């Protein structure tokens, strides 16, 4: 889910975050479109399952989150990172 910029923070002492215990996927946003989203989502979900991390939102919900992120940011070309660790997940 998206949160306001003023509330955006990552707790500094989450062991999974500090020690790098998690999974991530970096997506390419080009001309307002995410490339290979289904493939990235499949790998990200598999990694979450494999390492017993929080289950990410479904692909449909993730598409909606990403669409809001693109619209809100005003960016058409960027990298988007999906991250999951023991305490939760983030899209940034």
Protein backbone atom coordinates (compact mmCIF):
# COMPACT_ATOMS: atom_id res chain seq x y z
CA UNK A 1 0.00 0.00 0.00
CA UNK A 2 1.14 3.55 -0.59
CA UNK A 3 1.77 5.85 2.33
CA UNK A 4 2.50 9.57 2.37
CA UNK A 5 6.07 10.73 1.95
CA UNK A 6 6.08 12.20 5.47
CA UNK A 7 5.21 8.78 6.95
CA UNK A 8 7.59 6.84 4.73
CA UNK A 9 10.34 5.28 6.81
CA UNK A 10 11.97 1.94 7.40
CA UNK A 11 12.58 0.97 10.99
CA UNK A 12 16.33 0.77 11.40
CA UNK A 13 16.51 -2.21 13.71
CA UNK A 14 14.50 -4.84 11.85
CA UNK A 15 16.89 -7.84 11.78
CA UNK A 16 15.67 -9.00 8.39
CA UNK A 17 16.37 -5.59 6.89
CA UNK A 18 19.72 -5.02 8.62
CA UNK A 19 21.11 -8.46 7.81
CA UNK A 20 19.77 -8.51 4.27
CA UNK A 21 17.45 -11.43 4.93
CA UNK A 22 14.78 -10.89 2.36
CA UNK A 23 13.96 -10.88 -1.31
CA UNK A 24 13.65 -8.11 -3.87
CA UNK A 25 12.89 -7.52 -7.51
CA UNK A 26 13.84 -4.39 -9.42
CA UNK A 27 11.36 -3.41 -12.11
CA UNK A 28 11.90 -1.15 -15.10
CA UNK A 29 9.34 1.58 -15.66
CA UNK A 30 9.79 2.84 -19.21
CA UNK A 31 7.41 5.25 -20.93
CA UNK A 32 4.93 4.70 -18.10
CA UNK A 33 4.87 0.89 -18.40
CA UNK A 34 6.43 -1.77 -16.18
CA UNK A 35 8.27 -4.38 -18.24
CA UNK A 36 7.78 -8.10 -17.52
CA UNK A 37 5.67 -7.52 -14.41
CA UNK A 38 4.16 -11.02 -14.35
CA UNK A 39 7.61 -12.62 -14.48
CA UNK A 40 8.99 -10.34 -11.75
CA UNK A 41 5.91 -11.01 -9.63
CA UNK A 42 6.29 -14.77 -10.04
CA UNK A 43 9.95 -14.67 -8.89
CA UNK A 44 9.15 -12.28 -6.02
CA UNK A 45 6.26 -14.48 -4.81
CA UNK A 46 8.40 -17.61 -5.07
CA UNK A 47 11.16 -15.96 -3.03
CA UNK A 48 8.66 -14.89 -0.36
CA UNK A 49 7.26 -18.43 -0.15
CA UNK A 50 10.72 -20.01 -0.17
CA UNK A 51 12.01 -17.87 2.69
CA UNK A 52 8.73 -17.85 4.61
CA UNK A 53 8.29 -14.08 4.24
CA UNK A 54 5.00 -12.18 4.18
CA UNK A 55 2.89 -13.01 1.16
CA UNK A 56 2.81 -10.08 -1.29
CA UNK A 57 -0.48 -8.66 -2.56
CA UNK A 58 -1.94 -10.44 -5.57
CA UNK A 59 -0.78 -9.47 -9.06
CA UNK A 60 -3.97 -7.48 -9.70
CA UNK A 61 -3.58 -5.48 -6.49
CA UNK A 62 0.13 -4.93 -7.21
CA UNK A 63 -0.77 -3.54 -10.65
CA UNK A 64 -3.15 -1.08 -8.97
CA UNK A 65 -0.50 -0.05 -6.42
CA UNK A 66 2.07 0.47 -9.17
CA UNK A 67 -0.40 2.47 -11.29
CA UNK A 68 -1.04 4.80 -8.32
CA UNK A 69 2.70 5.06 -7.67
CA UNK A 70 3.39 6.02 -11.30
CA UNK A 71 0.54 8.54 -11.34
CA UNK A 72 1.47 10.08 -7.98
CA UNK A 73 5.19 10.31 -8.75
CA UNK A 74 4.70 11.75 -12.23
CA UNK A 75 7.62 9.64 -13.42
CA UNK A 76 7.52 7.82 -16.74
CA UNK A 77 10.99 6.28 -16.58
CA UNK A 78 12.37 4.85 -13.35
CA UNK A 79 13.37 1.76 -11.40
CA UNK A 80 10.83 0.35 -8.95
CA UNK A 81 11.93 -2.05 -6.26
CA UNK A 82 9.72 -4.63 -4.57
CA UNK A 83 11.22 -5.65 -1.22
CA UNK A 84 10.15 -8.15 1.41
CA UNK A 85 11.72 -8.97 4.75
CA UNK A 86 10.62 -10.65 7.94
CA UNK A 87 8.43 -7.80 9.21
CA UNK A 88 6.67 -6.74 6.00
CA UNK A 89 6.93 -5.66 2.39
CA UNK A 90 7.36 -2.35 0.60
CA UNK A 91 7.18 -1.01 -2.91
CA UNK A 92 9.57 1.90 -3.44
